[in-house]
Protein backbone atom coordinates (compact mmCIF):
# COMPACT_ATOMS: atom_id res chain seq x y z
CA UNK A 1 -5.47 -18.20 -13.94
CA UNK A 2 -1.94 -16.86 -14.40
CA UNK A 3 0.73 -18.99 -12.80
CA UNK A 4 3.18 -16.85 -10.80
CA UNK A 5 5.81 -19.54 -11.09
CA UNK A 6 5.99 -19.39 -14.84
CA UNK A 7 4.11 -16.33 -16.07
CA UNK A 8 5.82 -12.98 -15.79
CA UNK A 9 5.37 -9.54 -17.26
CA UNK A 10 7.74 -8.34 -19.92
CA UNK A 11 11.18 -7.78 -18.40
CA UNK A 12 14.21 -5.95 -19.64
CA UNK A 13 16.96 -8.24 -20.93
CA UNK A 14 18.76 -10.07 -18.15
CA UNK A 15 22.08 -8.26 -17.60
CA UNK A 16 25.31 -10.22 -17.59
CA UNK A 17 27.52 -10.20 -14.50
CA UNK A 18 29.99 -7.68 -15.87
CA UNK A 19 27.17 -5.17 -16.46
CA UNK A 20 25.83 -5.76 -12.96
CA UNK A 21 29.29 -5.29 -11.45
CA UNK A 22 29.92 -2.06 -13.38
CA UNK A 23 26.66 -0.69 -12.05
CA UNK A 24 27.72 -1.56 -8.52
CA UNK A 25 31.07 0.17 -8.86
CA UNK A 26 29.36 3.31 -10.13
CA UNK A 27 26.81 3.33 -7.33
CA UNK A 28 29.37 2.59 -4.60
CA UNK A 29 31.63 5.37 -5.82
CA UNK A 30 28.71 7.74 -5.45
CA UNK A 31 28.21 6.93 -1.75
CA UNK A 32 31.91 6.38 -0.98
CA UNK A 33 32.51 9.72 0.78
CA UNK A 34 30.02 9.02 3.56
CA UNK A 35 30.46 5.21 3.61
CA UNK A 36 34.26 5.29 3.70
CA UNK A 37 34.30 8.04 6.33
CA UNK A 38 32.06 5.95 8.59
CA UNK A 39 34.08 2.77 7.92
CA UNK A 40 37.33 4.48 8.93
CA UNK A 41 35.81 5.46 12.29
CA UNK A 42 34.86 1.84 12.94
CA UNK A 43 38.25 0.48 11.82
CA UNK A 44 40.13 2.94 14.07
CA UNK A 45 38.02 1.70 16.99
CA UNK A 46 38.88 -1.92 16.16
CA UNK A 47 35.61 -2.87 14.46
CA UNK A 48 34.62 -3.88 10.93
CA UNK A 49 31.86 -2.37 8.82
CA UNK A 50 30.18 -3.52 5.61
CA UNK A 51 27.44 -2.27 3.33
CA UNK A 52 24.90 -5.08 3.31
CA UNK A 53 21.60 -6.52 2.13
CA UNK A 54 19.23 -4.36 0.14
CA UNK A 55 21.82 -1.63 -0.28
CA UNK A 56 24.21 -4.01 -2.07
CA UNK A 57 21.39 -5.51 -4.12
CA UNK A 58 20.21 -2.08 -5.20
CA UNK A 59 23.75 -0.98 -6.01
CA UNK A 60 24.08 -3.99 -8.31
CA UNK A 61 20.73 -3.09 -9.92
CA UNK A 62 21.84 0.51 -10.42
CA UNK A 63 19.14 1.89 -8.11
CA UNK A 64 20.91 2.60 -4.83
CA UNK A 65 19.26 5.50 -3.01
CA UNK A 66 20.34 7.49 0.02
CA UNK A 67 19.10 4.92 2.56
CA UNK A 68 22.16 2.83 3.44
CA UNK A 69 22.26 -0.38 5.49
CA UNK A 70 25.44 -1.48 7.22
CA UNK A 71 26.41 -4.41 9.40
CA UNK A 72 29.19 -4.57 11.99
CA UNK A 73 30.75 -6.71 14.71
CA UNK A 74 30.43 -3.75 17.10
CA UNK A 75 27.71 -4.12 19.73
CA UNK A 76 24.89 -1.54 19.70
CA UNK A 77 26.26 0.54 22.57
CA UNK A 78 29.65 0.73 20.82
CA UNK A 79 27.88 1.81 17.62
CA UNK A 80 26.15 4.61 19.51
CA UNK A 81 29.48 5.87 20.88
CA UNK A 82 30.98 5.91 17.39
CA UNK A 83 28.15 7.63 15.52
CA UNK A 84 27.00 10.23 18.04
CA UNK A 85 29.97 12.57 17.48
CA UNK A 86 29.83 11.98 13.70
CA UNK A 87 26.16 12.01 12.66
CA UNK A 88 23.81 14.96 12.39
CA UNK A 89 21.10 13.00 14.23
CA UNK A 90 20.97 9.60 15.94
CA UNK A 91 18.04 7.40 17.00
CA UNK A 92 18.00 4.12 18.87
CA UNK A 93 14.39 2.93 18.56
CA UNK A 94 15.62 -0.33 17.02
CA UNK A 95 18.43 -0.93 19.47
CA UNK A 96 16.63 -3.90 21.07
CA UNK A 97 17.10 -5.64 17.70
CA UNK A 98 20.69 -4.45 17.35
CA UNK A 99 20.01 -1.50 15.05
CA UNK A 100 21.13 2.11 15.43
CA UNK A 101 19.91 4.73 12.98
CA UNK A 102 21.43 8.07 12.05
CA UNK A 103 21.30 10.93 9.58
CA UNK A 104 24.38 12.35 7.90
CA UNK A 105 24.90 15.08 5.32
CA UNK A 106 27.96 14.70 3.11
CA UNK A 107 29.39 16.02 -0.12
CA UNK A 108 29.00 13.83 -3.18
CA UNK A 109 29.82 14.11 -6.87
CA UNK A 110 26.37 15.57 -7.53
CA UNK A 111 26.41 17.97 -4.58
CA UNK A 112 25.57 17.74 -0.90
CA UNK A 113 23.42 14.72 -0.03
CA UNK A 114 21.58 13.61 3.10
CA UNK A 115 21.93 9.94 3.94
CA UNK A 116 19.70 7.90 6.22
CA UNK A 117 21.82 5.16 7.70
CA UNK A 118 21.07 2.02 9.71
CA UNK A 119 23.87 0.05 11.35
CA UNK A 120 23.03 -3.39 12.70
CA UNK A 121 25.21 -5.68 14.75
CA UNK A 122 25.80 -9.17 13.28
CA UNK A 123 22.81 -11.10 14.51
CA UNK A 124 20.35 -13.94 14.10
CA UNK A 125 16.60 -13.87 14.67
CA UNK A 126 14.49 -16.90 15.52
CA UNK A 127 10.75 -16.97 16.27
CA UNK A 128 9.57 -19.19 19.08
CA UNK A 129 6.62 -21.33 17.94
CA UNK A 130 4.23 -19.46 20.26
CA UNK A 131 5.79 -16.00 20.09
CA UNK A 132 5.05 -12.94 17.95
CA UNK A 133 8.46 -11.41 18.67
CA UNK A 134 11.81 -12.70 17.43
CA UNK A 135 14.61 -13.60 19.80
CA UNK A 136 17.78 -11.74 18.84
CA UNK A 137 21.29 -13.02 19.43
CA UNK A 138 24.48 -11.35 18.25
CA UNK A 139 27.12 -13.01 16.10
CA UNK A 140 30.83 -12.48 15.60
CA UNK A 141 31.25 -12.92 11.84
CA UNK A 142 29.68 -11.51 8.75
CA UNK A 143 29.21 -15.02 7.38
CA UNK A 144 26.93 -15.84 10.33
CA UNK A 145 25.00 -12.65 9.68
CA UNK A 146 24.53 -13.26 5.96
CA UNK A 147 23.30 -16.83 6.28
CA UNK A 148 20.37 -15.66 8.44
CA UNK A 149 19.12 -13.21 5.82
CA UNK A 150 15.94 -13.77 3.85
CA UNK A 151 17.13 -14.25 0.25
CA UNK A 152 20.47 -14.78 -1.42
CA UNK A 153 20.12 -11.49 -3.34
CA UNK A 154 19.93 -9.79 0.08
CA UNK A 155 22.78 -11.84 1.55
CA UNK A 156 25.64 -9.98 -0.13
CA UNK A 157 27.97 -7.44 1.47
CA UNK A 158 30.77 -5.05 0.58
CA UNK A 159 33.40 -4.76 3.31
CA UNK A 160 34.56 -1.17 3.77
CA UNK A 161 36.64 0.79 3.20
CA UNK A 162 38.57 -1.82 1.15
CA UNK A 163 35.51 -2.58 -1.09
CA UNK A 164 35.77 -6.36 -0.72
CA UNK A 165 32.70 -8.09 -2.24
CA UNK A 166 31.29 -10.91 -0.06
CA UNK A 167 28.78 -13.30 -1.62
CA UNK A 168 28.82 -16.73 0.04
CA UNK A 169 25.37 -17.78 -1.20
CA UNK A 170 25.42 -16.93 -4.91
CA UNK A 171 23.33 -13.78 -4.65
CA UNK A 172 25.07 -12.14 -7.60
CA UNK A 173 24.16 -15.01 -9.92
CA UNK A 174 20.57 -14.98 -8.61
CA UNK A 175 20.41 -11.26 -9.24
CA UNK A 176 21.52 -11.72 -12.82
CA UNK A 177 18.89 -14.46 -13.28
CA UNK A 178 16.21 -12.43 -11.47
CA UNK A 179 15.31 -15.21 -9.07
CA UNK A 180 14.54 -15.26 -5.34
CA UNK A 181 16.16 -18.13 -3.46
CA UNK A 182 16.93 -18.47 0.26
CA UNK A 183 20.56 -18.76 1.45
CA UNK A 184 19.79 -22.11 3.09
CA UNK A 185 16.73 -24.36 3.13
CA UNK A 186 13.61 -22.22 2.73
CA UNK A 187 11.91 -24.13 5.55
CA UNK A 188 14.65 -23.00 7.95
CA UNK A 189 14.51 -19.42 6.69
CA UNK A 190 10.72 -19.18 7.04
CA UNK A 191 10.78 -20.89 10.39
CA UNK A 192 13.25 -18.26 11.63
CA UNK A 193 10.96 -15.44 10.46
CA UNK A 194 7.65 -16.36 8.80
CA UNK A 195 7.24 -12.81 7.47
CA UNK A 196 9.84 -13.74 4.85
CA UNK A 197 7.13 -15.66 2.99
CA UNK A 198 5.20 -12.43 2.50
CA UNK A 199 8.46 -10.67 1.68
CA UNK A 200 9.08 -13.13 -1.18
CA UNK A 201 5.87 -12.00 -2.83
CA UNK A 202 6.74 -8.37 -2.16
CA UNK A 203 10.21 -8.60 -3.73
CA UNK A 204 8.74 -10.37 -6.75
CA UNK A 205 6.34 -7.45 -7.14
CA UNK A 206 8.96 -4.79 -6.43
CA UNK A 207 11.82 -6.15 -8.51
CA UNK A 208 10.03 -8.21 -11.13
CA UNK A 209 11.82 -11.39 -9.98
CA UNK A 210 10.52 -14.96 -10.10
CA UNK A 211 10.36 -17.04 -6.94
CA UNK A 212 12.33 -20.28 -6.81
CA UNK A 213 10.16 -23.43 -6.94
CA UNK A 214 11.45 -24.71 -3.57
CA UNK A 215 10.64 -21.38 -1.97
CA UNK A 216 7.09 -21.48 -3.37
CA UNK A 217 6.67 -25.02 -2.08
CA UNK A 218 7.78 -23.99 1.41
CA UNK A 219 5.34 -21.07 1.32
CA UNK A 220 2.50 -23.48 0.53
CA UNK A 221 3.51 -25.82 3.34
CA UNK A 222 4.20 -23.19 6.01
CA UNK A 223 1.59 -20.51 5.36
CA UNK A 224 -0.07 -20.95 8.74
CA UNK A 225 3.20 -19.87 10.44
CA UNK A 226 2.45 -16.27 9.43
CA UNK A 227 -0.12 -16.22 12.27
CA UNK A 228 2.63 -15.68 14.85
CA UNK A 229 3.80 -12.47 13.17
CA UNK A 230 2.29 -9.26 14.51
CA UNK A 231 -0.49 -7.62 12.50
CA UNK A 232 1.57 -4.45 12.23
CA UNK A 233 4.49 -6.23 10.53
CA UNK A 234 2.13 -8.03 8.16
CA UNK A 235 0.38 -4.76 7.33
CA UNK A 236 3.65 -2.95 6.63
CA UNK A 237 4.84 -5.73 4.32
CA UNK A 238 1.49 -5.85 2.54
CA UNK A 239 1.65 -2.08 2.02
CA UNK A 240 5.09 -2.38 0.41
CA UNK A 241 3.72 -5.07 -1.91
CA UNK A 242 0.63 -3.04 -2.87
CA UNK A 243 2.75 0.07 -3.46
CA UNK A 244 5.26 -1.80 -5.63
CA UNK A 245 5.71 -1.51 -9.38
CA UNK A 246 3.83 -4.78 -10.10
CA UNK A 247 1.50 -5.56 -7.18
CA UNK A 248 -0.57 -8.01 -9.26
CA UNK A 249 2.49 -10.26 -9.49
CA UNK A 250 2.95 -10.41 -5.73
CA UNK A 251 -0.76 -10.82 -5.00
CA UNK A 252 -1.01 -13.74 -7.42
CA UNK A 253 1.84 -15.43 -5.57
CA UNK A 254 0.06 -14.93 -2.24
CA UNK A 255 -3.12 -16.47 -3.63
CA UNK A 256 -1.43 -19.31 -5.55
CA UNK A 257 0.59 -20.41 -2.51
CA UNK A 258 -2.35 -20.12 -0.10
CA UNK A 259 -0.60 -17.47 1.99
CA UNK A 260 -3.38 -14.99 1.20
CA UNK A 261 -5.79 -17.20 3.16
CA UNK A 262 -3.91 -16.14 6.30
CA UNK A 263 -3.20 -12.52 5.38
CA UNK A 264 -6.04 -11.25 3.17
CA UNK A 265 -8.58 -14.10 2.87
CA UNK A 266 -11.10 -11.86 1.11
CA UNK A 267 -8.86 -11.87 -1.98
CA UNK A 268 -8.84 -15.63 -2.78
CA UNK A 269 -12.55 -15.71 -1.88
CA UNK A 270 -13.14 -13.64 -5.03
CA UNK A 271 -12.30 -16.67 -7.17
CA UNK A 272 -15.98 -17.50 -7.59
CA UNK A 273 -16.79 -20.50 -9.71
CA UNK A 274 -18.40 -19.22 -12.90
CA UNK A 275 -21.89 -20.35 -13.77
CA UNK A 276 -22.29 -22.63 -16.78
CA UNK A 277 -23.55 -19.78 -18.96
CA UNK A 278 -20.63 -17.51 -17.99
CA UNK A 279 -23.00 -14.72 -17.06
CA UNK A 280 -20.74 -13.08 -14.53
CA UNK A 281 -17.09 -12.25 -14.84
CA UNK A 282 -14.21 -13.69 -12.81
CA UNK A 283 -14.30 -11.32 -9.82
CA UNK A 284 -10.73 -12.12 -8.76
CA UNK A 285 -9.25 -11.37 -12.18
CA UNK A 286 -11.52 -8.34 -12.49
CA UNK A 287 -10.26 -6.94 -9.17
CA UNK A 288 -6.61 -7.34 -10.16
CA UNK A 289 -7.34 -5.65 -13.48
CA UNK A 290 -9.08 -2.77 -11.69
CA UNK A 291 -5.97 -2.41 -9.54
CA UNK A 292 -3.76 -2.31 -12.65
CA UNK A 293 -6.01 0.30 -14.25
CA UNK A 294 -6.14 2.42 -11.11
CA UNK A 295 -2.34 2.44 -10.99
CA UNK A 296 -2.26 3.63 -14.59
CA UNK A 297 -4.38 6.65 -13.57
CA UNK A 298 -2.14 7.73 -10.69
CA UNK A 299 -0.68 11.14 -11.34
CA UNK A 300 1.28 11.88 -8.15
CA UNK A 301 3.08 8.62 -7.39
CA UNK A 302 1.75 5.43 -5.74
CA UNK A 303 -1.50 6.00 -3.82
CA UNK A 304 -2.05 3.37 -1.12
CA UNK A 305 -5.65 4.45 -0.43
CA UNK A 306 -6.64 4.18 -4.08
CA UNK A 307 -4.83 0.88 -4.59
CA UNK A 308 -6.41 -0.76 -1.54
CA UNK A 309 -9.85 0.46 -2.59
CA UNK A 310 -9.33 -0.91 -6.10
CA UNK A 311 -8.20 -4.28 -4.74
CA UNK A 312 -11.03 -4.57 -2.19
CA UNK A 313 -13.91 -2.85 -3.99
CA UNK A 314 -15.75 -6.10 -4.82
CA UNK A 315 -14.98 -8.19 -1.72
CA UNK A 316 -18.67 -8.09 -0.79
CA UNK A 317 -19.64 -10.08 -3.89
CA UNK A 318 -19.13 -13.62 -2.55
CA UNK A 319 -21.48 -12.90 0.37
CA UNK A 320 -24.17 -11.27 -1.76
CA UNK A 321 -24.17 -13.54 -4.81
CA UNK A 322 -27.60 -14.78 -5.81
CA UNK A 323 -28.70 -16.93 -8.76
CA UNK A 324 -31.91 -15.39 -10.04
CA UNK A 325 -34.78 -17.34 -11.58
CA UNK A 326 -34.03 -15.98 -15.04
CA UNK A 327 -30.49 -17.38 -14.84
CA UNK A 328 -28.79 -14.08 -14.07
CA UNK A 329 -26.36 -13.68 -11.20
CA UNK A 330 -26.83 -10.70 -8.88
CA UNK A 331 -24.73 -9.08 -6.16
CA UNK A 332 -27.21 -6.67 -4.63
CA UNK A 333 -25.73 -4.24 -2.08
CA UNK A 334 -22.28 -5.78 -2.38
CA UNK A 335 -20.79 -2.31 -2.03
CA UNK A 336 -22.37 -1.88 1.44
CA UNK A 337 -21.35 -5.37 2.56
CA UNK A 338 -17.89 -4.83 1.05
CA UNK A 339 -17.40 -1.58 2.95
CA UNK A 340 -18.15 -3.38 6.24
CA UNK A 341 -15.78 -6.23 5.33
CA UNK A 342 -13.08 -3.70 4.39
CA UNK A 343 -13.37 -1.99 7.76
CA UNK A 344 -13.16 -5.33 9.56
CA UNK A 345 -10.09 -6.57 7.64
CA UNK A 346 -8.22 -3.28 7.83
CA UNK A 347 -8.96 -2.99 11.55
CA UNK A 348 -7.54 -6.49 12.08
CA UNK A 349 -4.40 -5.39 10.21
CA UNK A 350 -4.10 -2.30 12.46
CA UNK A 351 -4.50 0.35 9.79
CA UNK A 352 -5.09 3.89 10.97
CA UNK A 353 -8.66 5.01 11.54
CA UNK A 354 -8.30 7.60 8.79
CA UNK A 355 -7.07 5.04 6.25
CA UNK A 356 -9.86 2.60 7.19
CA UNK A 357 -12.47 5.34 6.84
CA UNK A 358 -11.20 6.47 3.42
CA UNK A 359 -10.77 3.03 1.84
CA UNK A 360 -14.12 1.69 3.11
CA UNK A 361 -15.87 4.88 1.95
CA UNK A 362 -14.47 4.43 -1.56
CA UNK A 363 -15.64 0.80 -1.57
CA UNK A 364 -19.10 1.95 -0.47
CA UNK A 365 -19.30 4.64 -3.17
CA UNK A 366 -17.76 2.77 -6.10
CA UNK A 367 -21.15 1.89 -7.69
CA UNK A 368 -22.79 5.28 -7.17
CA UNK A 369 -21.91 6.52 -10.65
CA UNK A 370 -23.87 3.75 -12.33
CA UNK A 371 -27.11 5.53 -11.43
CA UNK A 372 -25.99 8.40 -13.65
CA UNK A 373 -26.93 6.61 -16.84
CA UNK A 374 -26.52 8.93 -19.79
CA UNK A 375 -26.73 12.09 -17.71
CA UNK A 376 -30.16 11.88 -16.08
CA UNK A 377 -28.95 13.11 -12.69
CA UNK A 378 -30.24 16.47 -11.55
CA UNK A 379 -27.81 19.12 -10.34
CA UNK A 380 -28.82 18.24 -6.78
CA UNK A 381 -27.81 14.59 -7.39
CA UNK A 382 -24.44 15.75 -8.70
CA UNK A 383 -24.00 17.96 -5.64
CA UNK A 384 -24.74 15.01 -3.35
CA UNK A 385 -22.24 12.83 -5.23
CA UNK A 386 -19.55 15.46 -4.65
CA UNK A 387 -20.65 16.04 -1.07
CA UNK A 388 -20.64 12.32 -0.23
CA UNK A 389 -17.19 11.80 -1.78
CA UNK A 390 -15.75 14.87 -0.05
CA UNK A 391 -11.94 14.91 -0.22
CA UNK A 392 -12.02 11.46 -1.84
CA UNK A 393 -13.64 12.76 -5.04
CA UNK A 394 -10.49 12.58 -7.18
CA UNK A 395 -9.82 9.02 -6.01
CA UNK A 396 -13.46 8.10 -6.61
CA UNK A 397 -13.11 9.38 -10.19
CA UNK A 398 -10.09 7.11 -10.70
CA UNK A 399 -11.69 4.09 -9.00
CA UNK A 400 -14.91 4.41 -11.00
CA UNK A 401 -13.06 4.69 -14.30
CA UNK A 402 -10.83 1.73 -13.36
CA UNK A 403 -13.86 -0.42 -12.56
CA UNK A 404 -14.71 -0.75 -16.25
CA UNK A 405 -13.01 -3.94 -17.45
CA UNK A 406 -15.47 -4.99 -20.16
CA UNK A 407 -14.01 -6.23 -23.43
CA UNK A 408 -16.99 -4.71 -25.24
CA UNK A 409 -15.38 -1.61 -26.72
CA UNK A 410 -18.71 0.01 -27.43
CA UNK A 411 -19.88 -0.38 -23.84
CA UNK A 412 -16.52 0.78 -22.45
CA UNK A 413 -16.58 3.86 -24.68
CA UNK A 414 -20.14 4.72 -23.58
CA UNK A 415 -19.20 4.44 -19.90
CA UNK A 416 -16.13 6.60 -20.43
CA UNK A 417 -18.17 9.28 -22.22
CA UNK A 418 -20.78 9.24 -19.47
CA UNK A 419 -18.15 9.74 -16.80
CA UNK A 420 -16.52 12.48 -18.87
CA UNK A 421 -19.90 14.18 -18.86
CA UNK A 422 -20.27 13.81 -15.09
CA UNK A 423 -16.83 15.26 -14.46
CA UNK A 424 -17.61 18.19 -16.74
CA UNK A 425 -20.84 18.88 -14.84
CA UNK A 426 -19.01 18.68 -11.53
CA UNK A 427 -16.41 21.12 -12.81
CA UNK A 428 -19.09 23.60 -13.93
CA UNK A 429 -20.96 23.38 -10.64
CA UNK A 430 -17.73 23.66 -8.64
CA UNK A 431 -16.88 26.83 -10.53
CA UNK A 432 -20.32 28.25 -9.81
CA UNK A 433 -20.88 27.04 -6.26
CA UNK A 434 -17.59 25.87 -4.67
CA UNK A 435 -18.98 22.36 -4.22
CA UNK A 436 -16.01 21.13 -2.23
CA UNK A 437 -16.99 23.46 0.62
CA UNK A 438 -20.77 23.16 0.52
CA UNK A 439 -22.36 24.39 3.73
CA UNK A 440 -25.91 25.50 4.57
CA UNK A 441 -26.68 29.12 3.77
CA UNK A 442 -26.90 29.84 7.53
CA UNK A 443 -24.43 28.69 10.18
CA UNK A 444 -25.22 27.37 13.65
CA UNK A 445 -24.95 30.73 15.40
CA UNK A 446 -27.25 32.36 12.86
CA UNK A 447 -29.78 29.56 13.26
CA UNK A 448 -29.85 30.01 17.06
CA UNK A 449 -30.26 33.76 16.71
CA UNK A 450 -33.10 33.53 14.14
CA UNK A 451 -35.00 30.84 16.09
CA UNK A 452 -34.11 32.37 19.46
CA UNK A 453 -33.07 29.04 20.96
CA UNK A 454 -29.89 27.85 22.61
CA UNK A 455 -27.59 24.97 21.65
CA UNK A 456 -29.32 21.61 21.40
CA UNK A 457 -30.46 18.84 19.03
CA UNK A 458 -32.94 21.22 17.35
CA UNK A 459 -30.04 23.25 15.95
CA UNK A 460 -28.55 20.09 14.41
CA UNK A 461 -31.90 19.24 12.83
CA UNK A 462 -32.20 22.76 11.42
CA UNK A 463 -28.64 22.61 10.09
CA UNK A 464 -29.29 19.32 8.29
CA UNK A 465 -32.56 20.68 6.85
CA UNK A 466 -30.78 23.71 5.42
CA UNK A 467 -27.96 21.53 4.08
CA UNK A 468 -30.49 19.34 2.25
CA UNK A 469 -32.05 22.45 0.76
CA UNK A 470 -28.63 23.72 -0.30
CA UNK A 471 -27.81 20.43 -2.01
CA UNK A 472 -31.22 20.24 -3.65
CA UNK A 473 -31.58 23.80 -4.86
CA UNK A 474 -28.14 25.38 -4.81
CA UNK A 475 -27.23 28.55 -2.90
CA UNK A 476 -29.97 30.84 -1.58
CA UNK A 477 -30.03 34.53 -0.74
CA UNK A 478 -29.94 35.13 3.02
CA UNK A 479 -33.53 36.41 3.15
CA UNK A 480 -34.80 33.32 1.32
CA UNK A 481 -32.81 31.00 3.63
CA UNK A 482 -34.20 32.78 6.73
CA UNK A 483 -37.77 32.49 5.44
CA UNK A 484 -37.24 28.79 4.63
CA UNK A 485 -35.86 28.15 8.10
CA UNK A 486 -38.78 29.92 9.81
CA UNK A 487 -41.35 28.01 7.74
CA UNK A 488 -39.62 24.72 8.66
CA UNK A 489 -39.55 25.69 12.35
CA UNK A 490 -43.24 26.62 12.36
CA UNK A 491 -44.20 23.38 10.63
CA UNK A 492 -42.09 21.43 13.11
CA UNK A 493 -43.90 23.10 15.98
CA UNK A 494 -47.29 22.26 14.53
CA UNK A 495 -46.30 18.60 14.16
CA UNK A 496 -45.14 18.50 17.77
């Protein structure tokens, strides 16, 4: 199994400090109009202001966006007084944690830009052993604020408007080396906020950094502390990891350190011991490869629904594994079991009902294609495939293609050709019949009128009967649909 401590994907050459610093100057000059204007307001009111954390890190990496984070010695109510007359919009949903947010449009070298800004009072956060919410206390110096931050690369600041670089914990050197290290002892950092352990894996996935050995050791020792963090915060951090450039990297760190046992235990459970004849593949490695391949098929940016389905599609295998008498290993109905497990895990992590429904449906459907063989499905079977996938059809295409990880080129090529054929048939039928909007040939009102009955369960039965006929035989002329409905109704009456 890959070792996240030592194995890493190909990285661009490590930049030297002068290159990093030139990038920062360029990025800071770009945002100077809005940043300096805000800093002058704070200075005139007797307060200090500094660009901080991820904004400084991203400036040094040459990837600073229009979301800017600042820190200040001003208390939240003072911040509100200063930004309300200046900003285009202000929100205070994070004020209990010392954060005020605002929106500001400003001219920049490349034209007018809209900046989303967060200003946070110097603070420290500490979790009580039995609490899910951090206690917040305000500080009086930027040094106090920086030492409480998660990693040294996020513990740098640029004091404004004078552009003084502040780096008391060696973040710049860590950035050049692409390493994640805590400002102080990692045990203290993770005790203050256990979510930082999950964040270490996320930053490794997002930025392509390695995690310091002491940090990894602390993650192994303190994994159970993540239990005091709310499910919503864990979910949001997990989403950022899964949506990152290299999610496999972060997931391997979670599994290798044992943190996944507390966050997504279904993932390490996929590391099934292989039978002595090696007759089934490593399900854990297979799932990560499917995730990689699904990402490669994305055509409109990162797709959280697709990525979660790819990661979780085989989580039903450990519970359904059977050693057959002939020596084979089977996983019968693992897609059904996996869909139930997916719903349970995603519910525990407080995902939306819509997201849970979509991801679990993809898990449930991911094997359906394998009944297609070399094209034996009838048109009605193709219609049902499209109907069952509904709006998830494009994602199901990607998931099914990604699920082929065989090293047998001949087998992989045959599967790809078969799916090409299925997609072509779907396209032809969609052109002929508008498959995405399949409905019975008669609607509910027409059914009631023809049968001369009012609303009730019989209308639902009739609707489902006509839908089955539509899927089986394609569209019917109205007269034929009416005759079919009347025959069904008469037969139903005779059976009653």
